[in-house]
N, C-alpha and C. Protein backbone atom coordinates (compact mmCIF):
# COMPACT_ATOMS: atom_id res chain seq x y z
N MET A 1 113.89 165.93 13.16
CA MET A 1 115.14 166.36 12.56
C MET A 1 114.85 167.35 11.42
N ARG A 2 115.67 168.39 11.31
CA ARG A 2 115.47 169.35 10.25
C ARG A 2 115.75 168.72 8.88
N LEU A 3 115.03 169.21 7.88
CA LEU A 3 115.06 168.59 6.55
C LEU A 3 116.47 168.57 5.96
N GLY A 4 117.19 169.69 6.05
CA GLY A 4 118.54 169.71 5.50
C GLY A 4 119.44 168.68 6.15
N LYS A 5 119.35 168.56 7.46
CA LYS A 5 120.14 167.58 8.20
C LYS A 5 119.71 166.17 7.84
N TYR A 6 118.40 165.95 7.68
CA TYR A 6 117.88 164.63 7.33
C TYR A 6 118.46 164.18 5.99
N LEU A 7 118.48 165.07 5.01
CA LEU A 7 119.01 164.72 3.69
C LEU A 7 120.50 164.45 3.75
N ALA A 8 121.22 165.23 4.54
CA ALA A 8 122.66 165.01 4.68
C ALA A 8 122.93 163.66 5.32
N HIS A 9 122.17 163.32 6.35
CA HIS A 9 122.34 162.03 7.02
C HIS A 9 121.99 160.87 6.09
N ALA A 10 121.07 161.13 5.16
CA ALA A 10 120.66 160.09 4.22
C ALA A 10 121.65 159.92 3.07
N GLY A 11 122.68 160.78 3.05
CA GLY A 11 123.69 160.65 2.02
C GLY A 11 123.34 161.32 0.71
N VAL A 12 122.34 162.20 0.71
CA VAL A 12 121.96 162.88 -0.53
C VAL A 12 123.03 163.88 -0.95
N ALA A 13 123.55 164.61 0.00
CA ALA A 13 124.57 165.64 -0.27
C ALA A 13 125.12 166.10 1.07
N SER A 14 126.10 167.00 1.01
CA SER A 14 126.56 167.63 2.24
C SER A 14 125.43 168.49 2.80
N ARG A 15 125.60 168.97 4.03
CA ARG A 15 124.54 169.79 4.63
C ARG A 15 124.23 171.01 3.75
N ARG A 16 125.26 171.70 3.32
CA ARG A 16 125.05 172.89 2.49
C ARG A 16 124.40 172.50 1.16
N GLY A 17 124.91 171.41 0.55
CA GLY A 17 124.32 170.97 -0.71
C GLY A 17 122.87 170.56 -0.56
N ALA A 18 122.56 169.91 0.57
CA ALA A 18 121.18 169.50 0.82
C ALA A 18 120.26 170.71 0.95
N GLU A 19 120.74 171.74 1.62
CA GLU A 19 119.93 172.96 1.77
C GLU A 19 119.66 173.61 0.41
N GLU A 20 120.64 173.57 -0.47
CA GLU A 20 120.45 174.14 -1.81
C GLU A 20 119.43 173.34 -2.60
N ILE A 21 119.46 172.01 -2.45
CA ILE A 21 118.50 171.15 -3.13
C ILE A 21 117.09 171.46 -2.66
N VAL A 22 116.92 171.67 -1.34
CA VAL A 22 115.60 171.99 -0.78
C VAL A 22 115.11 173.33 -1.33
N ARG A 23 115.97 174.35 -1.28
CA ARG A 23 115.56 175.69 -1.74
C ARG A 23 115.22 175.71 -3.23
N ALA A 24 115.79 174.76 -3.98
CA ALA A 24 115.50 174.69 -5.42
C ALA A 24 114.15 174.04 -5.71
N GLY A 25 113.44 173.60 -4.67
CA GLY A 25 112.12 173.01 -4.85
C GLY A 25 112.12 171.58 -5.33
N ARG A 26 113.23 170.88 -5.08
CA ARG A 26 113.36 169.50 -5.57
C ARG A 26 112.92 168.46 -4.53
N VAL A 27 112.51 168.92 -3.35
CA VAL A 27 112.21 168.00 -2.25
C VAL A 27 110.73 168.07 -1.89
N THR A 28 110.16 166.89 -1.67
CA THR A 28 108.79 166.84 -1.17
C THR A 28 108.76 166.12 0.16
N VAL A 29 107.84 166.53 1.02
CA VAL A 29 107.57 165.87 2.30
C VAL A 29 106.09 165.53 2.32
N ALA A 30 105.79 164.24 2.45
CA ALA A 30 104.40 163.77 2.39
C ALA A 30 103.72 164.26 1.12
N GLY A 31 104.47 164.28 0.02
CA GLY A 31 103.91 164.63 -1.28
C GLY A 31 103.84 166.12 -1.57
N GLN A 32 104.23 166.97 -0.61
CA GLN A 32 104.17 168.41 -0.79
C GLN A 32 105.58 168.99 -0.92
N VAL A 33 105.76 169.90 -1.89
CA VAL A 33 107.06 170.54 -2.07
C VAL A 33 107.38 171.40 -0.86
N VAL A 34 108.59 171.24 -0.34
CA VAL A 34 109.05 172.03 0.81
C VAL A 34 110.34 172.74 0.40
N THR A 35 110.42 174.03 0.65
CA THR A 35 111.61 174.81 0.28
C THR A 35 112.35 175.37 1.49
N ASP A 36 111.93 174.96 2.67
CA ASP A 36 112.58 175.42 3.91
C ASP A 36 113.42 174.29 4.49
N PRO A 37 114.76 174.38 4.42
CA PRO A 37 115.59 173.29 4.95
C PRO A 37 115.51 173.12 6.45
N ALA A 38 114.92 174.11 7.17
CA ALA A 38 114.80 174.02 8.62
C ALA A 38 113.52 173.32 9.05
N ARG A 39 112.68 172.92 8.10
CA ARG A 39 111.43 172.23 8.43
C ARG A 39 111.73 170.91 9.12
N ASP A 40 111.06 170.62 10.22
CA ASP A 40 111.23 169.35 10.93
C ASP A 40 110.52 168.23 10.19
N VAL A 41 111.24 167.11 10.00
CA VAL A 41 110.65 165.96 9.32
C VAL A 41 111.09 164.69 10.04
N SER A 42 110.37 163.62 9.80
CA SER A 42 110.75 162.33 10.36
C SER A 42 110.77 161.24 9.30
N GLY A 43 110.31 161.56 8.09
CA GLY A 43 110.28 160.56 7.04
C GLY A 43 109.38 161.00 5.91
N ASP A 44 109.09 160.07 4.96
CA ASP A 44 108.26 160.34 3.79
C ASP A 44 108.82 161.51 3.00
N VAL A 45 110.13 161.46 2.77
CA VAL A 45 110.83 162.52 2.04
C VAL A 45 111.27 161.97 0.69
N ALA A 46 111.15 162.80 -0.35
CA ALA A 46 111.60 162.41 -1.68
C ALA A 46 112.37 163.56 -2.33
N VAL A 47 113.38 163.21 -3.12
CA VAL A 47 114.14 164.18 -3.90
C VAL A 47 113.96 163.84 -5.37
N ASP A 48 113.49 164.81 -6.14
CA ASP A 48 113.20 164.59 -7.56
C ASP A 48 112.29 163.38 -7.75
N GLY A 49 111.36 163.20 -6.80
CA GLY A 49 110.39 162.13 -6.90
C GLY A 49 110.84 160.78 -6.38
N ARG A 50 112.12 160.68 -5.97
CA ARG A 50 112.64 159.40 -5.48
C ARG A 50 112.68 159.40 -3.95
N PRO A 51 112.10 158.39 -3.32
CA PRO A 51 112.08 158.36 -1.85
C PRO A 51 113.50 158.37 -1.27
N VAL A 52 113.62 159.01 -0.13
CA VAL A 52 114.91 159.10 0.56
C VAL A 52 114.73 158.49 1.94
N GLY A 53 115.62 157.58 2.31
CA GLY A 53 115.59 157.00 3.64
C GLY A 53 116.95 157.12 4.29
N ALA A 54 116.97 157.16 5.59
CA ALA A 54 118.24 157.24 6.30
C ALA A 54 119.05 155.98 6.02
N GLU A 55 120.35 156.11 5.88
CA GLU A 55 121.22 154.97 5.64
C GLU A 55 122.41 155.04 6.59
N ASP A 56 123.08 153.92 6.73
CA ASP A 56 124.26 153.88 7.57
C ASP A 56 125.28 154.89 7.08
N ARG A 57 125.88 155.59 8.01
CA ARG A 57 126.91 156.56 7.64
C ARG A 57 128.27 155.87 7.62
N VAL A 58 129.04 156.17 6.59
CA VAL A 58 130.35 155.54 6.42
C VAL A 58 131.38 156.62 6.08
N VAL A 59 132.64 156.30 6.37
CA VAL A 59 133.76 157.16 5.98
C VAL A 59 134.85 156.25 5.43
N TYR A 60 135.38 156.61 4.28
CA TYR A 60 136.48 155.86 3.67
C TYR A 60 137.72 156.74 3.58
N ALA A 61 138.86 156.14 3.84
CA ALA A 61 140.14 156.76 3.53
C ALA A 61 140.56 156.26 2.16
N VAL A 62 140.94 157.17 1.28
CA VAL A 62 141.32 156.83 -0.09
C VAL A 62 142.69 157.42 -0.39
N HIS A 63 143.54 156.64 -1.04
CA HIS A 63 144.85 157.13 -1.49
C HIS A 63 144.67 157.57 -2.95
N LYS A 64 144.50 158.86 -3.15
CA LYS A 64 144.21 159.38 -4.48
C LYS A 64 145.46 159.37 -5.37
N PRO A 65 145.37 158.74 -6.54
CA PRO A 65 146.49 158.80 -7.48
C PRO A 65 146.47 160.12 -8.26
N PRO A 66 147.54 160.43 -8.99
CA PRO A 66 147.53 161.64 -9.83
C PRO A 66 146.52 161.51 -10.97
N GLY A 67 145.97 162.64 -11.40
CA GLY A 67 145.04 162.65 -12.51
C GLY A 67 143.61 162.36 -12.16
N VAL A 68 143.35 162.00 -10.90
CA VAL A 68 141.99 161.73 -10.43
C VAL A 68 141.45 162.99 -9.77
N VAL A 69 140.23 163.38 -10.09
CA VAL A 69 139.67 164.61 -9.54
C VAL A 69 138.86 164.32 -8.29
N SER A 70 138.82 165.31 -7.40
CA SER A 70 138.19 165.14 -6.09
C SER A 70 136.74 165.60 -6.11
N THR A 71 135.95 165.02 -7.00
CA THR A 71 134.53 165.33 -7.08
C THR A 71 133.77 164.02 -7.24
N ALA A 72 132.45 164.11 -7.07
CA ALA A 72 131.62 162.92 -7.25
C ALA A 72 131.40 162.62 -8.73
N ALA A 73 131.45 163.65 -9.58
CA ALA A 73 131.29 163.48 -11.03
C ALA A 73 132.09 164.57 -11.71
N ASP A 74 132.51 164.32 -12.94
CA ASP A 74 133.31 165.31 -13.66
C ASP A 74 132.76 165.50 -15.06
N PRO A 75 132.37 166.73 -15.43
CA PRO A 75 131.80 166.96 -16.76
C PRO A 75 132.78 166.69 -17.89
N GLN A 76 134.10 166.69 -17.59
CA GLN A 76 135.10 166.43 -18.62
C GLN A 76 135.40 164.93 -18.77
N GLY A 77 134.74 164.12 -17.94
CA GLY A 77 134.92 162.68 -18.07
C GLY A 77 136.17 162.13 -17.43
N ARG A 78 136.83 162.92 -16.59
CA ARG A 78 138.02 162.44 -15.92
C ARG A 78 137.64 161.49 -14.78
N PRO A 79 138.53 160.56 -14.40
CA PRO A 79 138.22 159.66 -13.28
C PRO A 79 138.07 160.45 -11.99
N THR A 80 137.19 160.00 -11.11
CA THR A 80 136.94 160.70 -9.85
C THR A 80 137.27 159.79 -8.67
N VAL A 81 137.50 160.41 -7.52
CA VAL A 81 137.81 159.63 -6.32
C VAL A 81 136.65 158.73 -5.92
N VAL A 82 135.44 159.17 -6.18
CA VAL A 82 134.27 158.37 -5.80
C VAL A 82 134.27 157.05 -6.57
N GLU A 83 134.77 157.05 -7.80
CA GLU A 83 134.81 155.83 -8.60
C GLU A 83 135.80 154.81 -8.05
N LEU A 84 136.69 155.23 -7.16
CA LEU A 84 137.67 154.31 -6.59
C LEU A 84 137.07 153.42 -5.50
N VAL A 85 135.88 153.80 -5.02
CA VAL A 85 135.24 153.06 -3.92
C VAL A 85 133.93 152.45 -4.41
N ARG A 86 133.82 151.15 -4.32
CA ARG A 86 132.59 150.48 -4.72
C ARG A 86 131.66 150.39 -3.52
N ASP A 87 130.73 151.32 -3.48
CA ASP A 87 129.77 151.36 -2.38
C ASP A 87 128.47 151.92 -2.95
N PRO A 88 127.34 151.29 -2.69
CA PRO A 88 126.07 151.76 -3.28
C PRO A 88 125.60 153.09 -2.71
N ARG A 89 126.16 153.52 -1.60
CA ARG A 89 125.75 154.79 -1.02
C ARG A 89 126.27 155.96 -1.87
N ARG A 90 125.62 157.09 -1.74
CA ARG A 90 126.04 158.29 -2.46
C ARG A 90 127.13 158.98 -1.66
N LEU A 91 128.37 158.79 -2.06
CA LEU A 91 129.51 159.33 -1.34
C LEU A 91 129.99 160.63 -1.98
N TYR A 92 130.66 161.44 -1.18
CA TYR A 92 131.28 162.66 -1.71
C TYR A 92 132.54 162.94 -0.88
N PRO A 93 133.50 163.63 -1.48
CA PRO A 93 134.76 163.88 -0.78
C PRO A 93 134.63 164.96 0.29
N ILE A 94 135.41 164.81 1.35
CA ILE A 94 135.52 165.85 2.37
C ILE A 94 136.68 166.74 1.96
N GLY A 95 136.37 167.90 1.40
CA GLY A 95 137.41 168.77 0.87
C GLY A 95 137.90 168.27 -0.47
N ARG A 96 138.97 168.90 -0.95
CA ARG A 96 139.47 168.56 -2.28
C ARG A 96 140.99 168.53 -2.31
N LEU A 97 141.51 167.73 -3.23
CA LEU A 97 142.90 167.80 -3.65
C LEU A 97 142.86 168.06 -5.15
N ASP A 98 143.73 168.94 -5.66
CA ASP A 98 143.70 169.18 -7.10
C ASP A 98 144.15 167.93 -7.84
N ALA A 99 143.89 167.90 -9.15
CA ALA A 99 144.09 166.68 -9.92
C ALA A 99 145.53 166.16 -9.85
N GLY A 100 146.49 167.07 -9.77
CA GLY A 100 147.88 166.66 -9.74
C GLY A 100 148.40 166.25 -8.38
N THR A 101 147.64 166.54 -7.33
CA THR A 101 148.05 166.21 -5.96
C THR A 101 147.59 164.80 -5.62
N THR A 102 148.46 164.05 -4.95
CA THR A 102 148.13 162.69 -4.56
C THR A 102 147.93 162.62 -3.04
N GLY A 103 147.52 161.44 -2.58
CA GLY A 103 147.50 161.21 -1.14
C GLY A 103 146.13 161.03 -0.54
N LEU A 104 146.06 161.29 0.75
CA LEU A 104 144.89 160.92 1.56
C LEU A 104 143.72 161.89 1.38
N ILE A 105 142.58 161.32 1.02
CA ILE A 105 141.34 162.08 0.97
C ILE A 105 140.24 161.19 1.56
N LEU A 106 139.26 161.81 2.19
CA LEU A 106 138.18 161.07 2.84
C LEU A 106 136.90 161.19 2.02
N LEU A 107 136.17 160.08 1.92
CA LEU A 107 134.86 160.06 1.29
C LEU A 107 133.83 159.65 2.34
N THR A 108 132.64 160.24 2.26
CA THR A 108 131.62 159.94 3.25
C THR A 108 130.24 160.21 2.70
N ASN A 109 129.22 159.73 3.39
CA ASN A 109 127.84 160.13 3.16
C ASN A 109 127.31 160.86 4.40
N ASP A 110 128.21 161.25 5.29
CA ASP A 110 127.85 161.90 6.55
C ASP A 110 128.09 163.41 6.42
N GLY A 111 127.04 164.13 6.06
CA GLY A 111 127.19 165.56 5.85
C GLY A 111 127.57 166.32 7.10
N GLU A 112 127.08 165.88 8.24
CA GLU A 112 127.40 166.55 9.50
C GLU A 112 128.89 166.44 9.81
N LEU A 113 129.46 165.25 9.61
CA LEU A 113 130.89 165.07 9.84
C LEU A 113 131.71 165.88 8.85
N ALA A 114 131.28 165.89 7.59
CA ALA A 114 132.00 166.66 6.57
C ALA A 114 132.06 168.14 6.95
N ASN A 115 130.93 168.69 7.36
CA ASN A 115 130.91 170.10 7.76
C ASN A 115 131.79 170.36 8.96
N LEU A 116 131.79 169.43 9.91
CA LEU A 116 132.63 169.57 11.10
C LEU A 116 134.11 169.64 10.72
N LEU A 117 134.53 168.70 9.85
CA LEU A 117 135.95 168.62 9.52
C LEU A 117 136.42 169.77 8.64
N LEU A 118 135.50 170.38 7.89
CA LEU A 118 135.88 171.46 6.98
C LEU A 118 135.72 172.84 7.60
N HIS A 119 135.03 172.93 8.73
CA HIS A 119 134.78 174.25 9.31
C HIS A 119 136.08 174.82 9.86
N PRO A 120 136.41 176.08 9.49
CA PRO A 120 137.67 176.68 9.94
C PRO A 120 137.83 176.70 11.46
N ARG A 121 136.72 176.73 12.19
CA ARG A 121 136.79 176.81 13.65
C ARG A 121 137.52 175.61 14.27
N TYR A 122 137.42 174.46 13.62
CA TYR A 122 137.97 173.24 14.21
C TYR A 122 139.43 172.99 13.85
N GLU A 123 139.93 173.68 12.84
CA GLU A 123 141.37 173.67 12.50
C GLU A 123 141.94 172.25 12.47
N VAL A 124 141.28 171.37 11.72
CA VAL A 124 141.78 169.99 11.60
C VAL A 124 143.11 170.00 10.84
N PRO A 125 144.19 169.46 11.40
CA PRO A 125 145.49 169.52 10.72
C PRO A 125 145.55 168.59 9.52
N ARG A 126 146.21 169.06 8.46
CA ARG A 126 146.45 168.26 7.27
C ARG A 126 147.94 168.36 6.97
N THR A 127 148.57 167.22 6.73
CA THR A 127 150.02 167.18 6.50
C THR A 127 150.32 166.80 5.06
N TYR A 128 151.28 167.52 4.47
CA TYR A 128 151.66 167.33 3.07
C TYR A 128 153.18 167.17 2.97
N VAL A 129 153.61 166.43 1.95
CA VAL A 129 155.02 166.40 1.58
C VAL A 129 155.13 167.00 0.19
N ALA A 130 155.96 168.03 0.06
CA ALA A 130 156.10 168.77 -1.19
C ALA A 130 157.53 168.65 -1.71
N THR A 131 157.65 168.32 -2.98
CA THR A 131 158.94 168.39 -3.67
C THR A 131 158.95 169.71 -4.44
N VAL A 132 160.01 170.50 -4.24
CA VAL A 132 160.01 171.87 -4.75
C VAL A 132 161.17 172.13 -5.69
N ALA A 133 161.02 173.19 -6.47
CA ALA A 133 162.06 173.61 -7.41
C ALA A 133 163.08 174.50 -6.71
N ASP A 134 164.19 174.70 -7.37
CA ASP A 134 165.25 175.61 -6.91
C ASP A 134 165.76 175.30 -5.51
N PRO A 135 166.14 174.05 -5.25
CA PRO A 135 166.71 173.74 -3.94
C PRO A 135 168.11 174.34 -3.83
N PRO A 136 168.65 174.43 -2.60
CA PRO A 136 168.00 173.96 -1.36
C PRO A 136 167.05 175.00 -0.79
N VAL A 137 166.10 174.53 0.02
CA VAL A 137 165.21 175.43 0.75
C VAL A 137 165.96 175.90 1.98
N ARG A 138 166.21 177.18 2.06
CA ARG A 138 167.04 177.71 3.14
C ARG A 138 166.20 178.08 4.36
N ASP A 139 166.91 178.35 5.46
CA ASP A 139 166.23 178.63 6.73
C ASP A 139 165.30 179.83 6.64
N ARG A 140 165.67 180.81 5.83
CA ARG A 140 164.83 182.00 5.72
C ARG A 140 163.45 181.65 5.18
N ALA A 141 163.41 180.78 4.17
CA ALA A 141 162.13 180.35 3.61
C ALA A 141 161.33 179.53 4.62
N LEU A 142 162.02 178.68 5.36
CA LEU A 142 161.34 177.89 6.38
C LEU A 142 160.71 178.78 7.44
N ARG A 143 161.46 179.81 7.87
CA ARG A 143 160.91 180.73 8.88
C ARG A 143 159.66 181.43 8.36
N ALA A 144 159.70 181.84 7.10
CA ALA A 144 158.55 182.53 6.53
C ALA A 144 157.32 181.62 6.51
N LEU A 145 157.50 180.39 6.11
CA LEU A 145 156.38 179.45 6.08
C LEU A 145 155.84 179.19 7.48
N ARG A 146 156.73 179.10 8.45
CA ARG A 146 156.30 178.85 9.83
C ARG A 146 155.57 180.04 10.43
N GLU A 147 155.95 181.24 10.04
CA GLU A 147 155.35 182.44 10.62
C GLU A 147 154.11 182.90 9.86
N GLY A 148 154.00 182.50 8.59
CA GLY A 148 152.89 182.92 7.74
C GLY A 148 153.39 183.76 6.59
N VAL A 149 152.86 183.51 5.40
CA VAL A 149 153.24 184.27 4.21
C VAL A 149 152.00 184.95 3.64
N GLN A 150 152.23 186.03 2.91
CA GLN A 150 151.11 186.79 2.35
C GLN A 150 150.76 186.23 0.97
N LEU A 151 149.49 185.82 0.82
CA LEU A 151 148.95 185.39 -0.46
C LEU A 151 147.93 186.41 -0.93
N GLU A 152 147.41 186.23 -2.14
CA GLU A 152 146.45 187.22 -2.66
C GLU A 152 145.17 187.27 -1.84
N ASP A 153 144.87 186.21 -1.09
CA ASP A 153 143.67 186.21 -0.25
C ASP A 153 144.01 186.38 1.24
N GLY A 154 145.18 186.95 1.52
CA GLY A 154 145.54 187.27 2.90
C GLY A 154 146.69 186.43 3.42
N TRP A 155 147.10 186.76 4.64
CA TRP A 155 148.20 186.05 5.28
C TRP A 155 147.77 184.64 5.68
N THR A 156 148.69 183.70 5.54
CA THR A 156 148.42 182.34 6.00
C THR A 156 148.67 182.25 7.49
N ALA A 157 148.00 181.30 8.12
CA ALA A 157 148.28 181.01 9.52
C ALA A 157 149.64 180.33 9.63
N PRO A 158 150.30 180.42 10.77
CA PRO A 158 151.57 179.71 10.94
C PRO A 158 151.42 178.22 10.65
N ALA A 159 152.42 177.66 9.98
CA ALA A 159 152.41 176.24 9.63
C ALA A 159 153.56 175.54 10.33
N ARG A 160 153.40 174.25 10.56
CA ARG A 160 154.51 173.44 11.04
C ARG A 160 155.26 172.93 9.81
N VAL A 161 156.55 173.23 9.73
CA VAL A 161 157.32 172.91 8.53
C VAL A 161 158.61 172.21 8.94
N ARG A 162 158.91 171.14 8.18
CA ARG A 162 160.14 170.38 8.42
C ARG A 162 160.82 170.11 7.09
N ARG A 163 162.13 170.33 7.03
CA ARG A 163 162.89 170.05 5.81
C ARG A 163 163.32 168.59 5.83
N LEU A 164 162.84 167.82 4.85
CA LEU A 164 163.17 166.40 4.76
C LEU A 164 164.39 166.15 3.89
N ALA A 165 164.62 167.02 2.92
CA ALA A 165 165.75 166.94 2.00
C ALA A 165 165.92 168.33 1.42
N PRO A 166 167.01 168.60 0.70
CA PRO A 166 167.19 169.94 0.13
C PRO A 166 166.02 170.42 -0.71
N ASP A 167 165.31 169.47 -1.35
CA ASP A 167 164.19 169.85 -2.22
C ASP A 167 162.86 169.31 -1.74
N ARG A 168 162.77 168.90 -0.47
CA ARG A 168 161.54 168.26 0.01
C ARG A 168 161.17 168.77 1.39
N LEU A 169 159.89 169.17 1.53
CA LEU A 169 159.39 169.73 2.79
C LEU A 169 158.17 168.96 3.25
N GLU A 170 158.01 168.89 4.57
CA GLU A 170 156.78 168.40 5.17
C GLU A 170 156.09 169.59 5.83
N LEU A 171 154.84 169.84 5.47
CA LEU A 171 154.09 170.98 5.99
C LEU A 171 152.79 170.49 6.60
N THR A 172 152.47 171.00 7.79
CA THR A 172 151.19 170.71 8.42
C THR A 172 150.43 172.02 8.57
N LEU A 173 149.24 172.07 7.97
CA LEU A 173 148.41 173.27 7.97
C LEU A 173 147.14 173.01 8.76
N ARG A 174 146.59 174.07 9.31
CA ARG A 174 145.31 173.98 10.02
C ARG A 174 144.25 174.85 9.35
N GLU A 175 144.48 175.19 8.10
CA GLU A 175 143.48 175.89 7.30
C GLU A 175 143.51 175.26 5.91
N GLY A 176 142.45 175.44 5.15
CA GLY A 176 142.33 174.72 3.89
C GLY A 176 141.95 175.59 2.72
N ARG A 177 142.80 176.55 2.38
CA ARG A 177 142.51 177.39 1.22
C ARG A 177 142.83 176.64 -0.08
N ASN A 178 142.27 177.15 -1.17
CA ASN A 178 142.48 176.53 -2.47
C ASN A 178 143.96 176.57 -2.87
N ARG A 179 144.52 175.41 -3.21
CA ARG A 179 145.90 175.27 -3.68
C ARG A 179 146.89 175.95 -2.72
N GLN A 180 146.63 175.87 -1.44
CA GLN A 180 147.39 176.66 -0.48
C GLN A 180 148.86 176.29 -0.43
N VAL A 181 149.20 175.00 -0.37
CA VAL A 181 150.61 174.62 -0.27
C VAL A 181 151.37 175.09 -1.51
N ARG A 182 150.78 174.92 -2.67
CA ARG A 182 151.44 175.34 -3.91
C ARG A 182 151.68 176.85 -3.91
N ARG A 183 150.70 177.60 -3.45
CA ARG A 183 150.86 179.06 -3.43
C ARG A 183 151.87 179.50 -2.38
N MET A 184 151.90 178.79 -1.26
CA MET A 184 152.89 179.12 -0.23
C MET A 184 154.31 178.85 -0.75
N GLY A 185 154.48 177.77 -1.48
CA GLY A 185 155.79 177.48 -2.06
C GLY A 185 156.23 178.59 -3.00
N GLU A 186 155.33 179.04 -3.86
CA GLU A 186 155.66 180.12 -4.79
C GLU A 186 155.99 181.40 -4.04
N ALA A 187 155.30 181.64 -2.91
CA ALA A 187 155.52 182.87 -2.16
C ALA A 187 156.92 182.95 -1.57
N VAL A 188 157.55 181.80 -1.33
CA VAL A 188 158.92 181.82 -0.77
C VAL A 188 159.96 181.42 -1.82
N GLY A 189 159.55 181.42 -3.10
CA GLY A 189 160.51 181.20 -4.17
C GLY A 189 160.79 179.75 -4.52
N HIS A 190 159.90 178.85 -4.12
CA HIS A 190 160.11 177.43 -4.42
C HIS A 190 158.81 176.82 -4.96
N ARG A 191 158.69 176.82 -6.27
CA ARG A 191 157.50 176.25 -6.91
C ARG A 191 157.38 174.77 -6.55
N VAL A 192 156.16 174.35 -6.23
CA VAL A 192 155.92 172.95 -5.87
C VAL A 192 155.82 172.10 -7.13
N LEU A 193 156.67 171.10 -7.22
CA LEU A 193 156.70 170.20 -8.38
C LEU A 193 155.82 168.97 -8.17
N ALA A 194 155.76 168.49 -6.96
CA ALA A 194 154.93 167.31 -6.63
C ALA A 194 154.43 167.49 -5.21
N LEU A 195 153.18 167.06 -4.99
CA LEU A 195 152.56 167.26 -3.67
C LEU A 195 151.74 166.04 -3.30
N ARG A 196 151.91 165.62 -2.06
CA ARG A 196 151.17 164.46 -1.55
C ARG A 196 150.67 164.76 -0.15
N ARG A 197 149.38 164.52 0.10
CA ARG A 197 148.86 164.66 1.46
C ARG A 197 149.08 163.33 2.17
N THR A 198 149.77 163.40 3.30
CA THR A 198 150.12 162.17 4.02
C THR A 198 149.27 161.95 5.26
N ALA A 199 148.57 162.97 5.75
CA ALA A 199 147.76 162.81 6.95
C ALA A 199 146.60 163.79 6.94
N PHE A 200 145.49 163.36 7.52
CA PHE A 200 144.30 164.19 7.71
C PHE A 200 143.87 163.97 9.14
N GLY A 201 144.08 164.97 10.02
CA GLY A 201 143.83 164.76 11.43
C GLY A 201 144.68 163.62 11.94
N PRO A 202 144.07 162.64 12.63
CA PRO A 202 144.84 161.51 13.18
C PRO A 202 145.09 160.40 12.17
N LEU A 203 144.57 160.52 10.95
CA LEU A 203 144.68 159.46 9.95
C LEU A 203 145.90 159.66 9.06
N THR A 204 146.53 158.56 8.64
CA THR A 204 147.68 158.63 7.75
C THR A 204 147.49 157.66 6.59
N LEU A 205 148.45 157.69 5.66
CA LEU A 205 148.41 156.80 4.50
C LEU A 205 149.01 155.42 4.78
N GLU A 206 149.44 155.19 5.97
CA GLU A 206 150.15 153.95 6.28
C GLU A 206 149.34 152.73 5.86
N GLY A 207 149.97 151.86 5.07
CA GLY A 207 149.34 150.62 4.64
C GLY A 207 148.30 150.78 3.56
N LEU A 208 148.23 151.95 2.92
CA LEU A 208 147.21 152.20 1.90
C LEU A 208 147.89 152.57 0.58
N PRO A 209 148.04 151.62 -0.35
CA PRO A 209 148.71 151.90 -1.62
C PRO A 209 147.88 152.86 -2.50
N PRO A 210 148.52 153.53 -3.45
CA PRO A 210 147.78 154.43 -4.36
C PRO A 210 146.63 153.72 -5.06
N GLY A 211 145.49 154.41 -5.10
CA GLY A 211 144.30 153.86 -5.75
C GLY A 211 143.45 152.98 -4.86
N ASN A 212 143.93 152.67 -3.66
CA ASN A 212 143.19 151.80 -2.74
C ASN A 212 142.45 152.61 -1.69
N HIS A 213 141.57 151.92 -0.97
CA HIS A 213 140.76 152.58 0.06
C HIS A 213 140.49 151.59 1.18
N ARG A 214 140.04 152.14 2.30
CA ARG A 214 139.57 151.30 3.40
C ARG A 214 138.51 152.07 4.18
N ARG A 215 137.56 151.33 4.72
CA ARG A 215 136.53 151.96 5.54
C ARG A 215 137.06 152.21 6.93
N LEU A 216 136.80 153.39 7.45
CA LEU A 216 137.26 153.73 8.79
C LEU A 216 136.44 152.99 9.84
N THR A 217 137.09 152.65 10.93
CA THR A 217 136.39 152.04 12.06
C THR A 217 135.63 153.11 12.83
N GLY A 218 134.72 152.67 13.67
CA GLY A 218 134.00 153.61 14.52
C GLY A 218 134.93 154.41 15.40
N GLU A 219 135.97 153.76 15.89
CA GLU A 219 136.95 154.46 16.75
C GLU A 219 137.69 155.54 15.97
N GLU A 220 138.02 155.26 14.71
CA GLU A 220 138.71 156.26 13.90
C GLU A 220 137.80 157.46 13.59
N VAL A 221 136.53 157.18 13.32
CA VAL A 221 135.60 158.27 13.06
C VAL A 221 135.44 159.15 14.29
N GLU A 222 135.35 158.54 15.47
CA GLU A 222 135.26 159.32 16.69
C GLU A 222 136.52 160.14 16.94
N ALA A 223 137.68 159.57 16.61
CA ALA A 223 138.94 160.32 16.75
C ALA A 223 138.92 161.53 15.83
N LEU A 224 138.37 161.39 14.62
CA LEU A 224 138.24 162.53 13.72
C LEU A 224 137.36 163.61 14.33
N ARG A 225 136.24 163.19 14.90
CA ARG A 225 135.32 164.15 15.50
C ARG A 225 135.98 164.93 16.65
N ARG A 226 136.82 164.23 17.39
CA ARG A 226 137.48 164.88 18.52
C ARG A 226 138.62 165.79 18.07
N GLY A 227 139.07 165.59 16.82
CA GLY A 227 140.18 166.41 16.30
C GLY A 227 141.51 165.92 16.80
């Protein structure tokens, strides 16, 4: 197995993060520093002098409350989603929700799965419910969101949009740009006041109160892989 993949499977970091750790000269194989993440290895690997062994891969669904950041650690001392799950493995979030956004986020030590779910090619759907300013949201705005709106980083892909109330929308996106739903709302004249992710691929928040988590079953993980 290639070194970068080995470290990702061991829960050290995502595949990309593992490759950066290797290139930084922090990894040894059989006592020798290795800086090529493509090097084939089978064991006797250490990061910063600490042995690394393969561990069981896990995925957790977490209902993120407001004010919690979607990182493994925060230099400002804010609570993180990783702190919501008591697991000795080194977990990290699959993608991010900004601090004010609530709802479903996944934590894992499986770098390969994380890369799969985040890669634009796979277009994993994510569903959000947004409460917006200046209601009602009229048909013209809905059409624009469904067809794609122009943001500073380009046109958005068409979204599935449903009006739940005069000031509330359900949006399903298949791309994951930074603060995308909030920026799309501003683009059609309706600033997002509150945002919650309700689904990630086939997974939903059903039965998961804010601040709680549950480990996904093998069947659920396979369903994620299949998209």
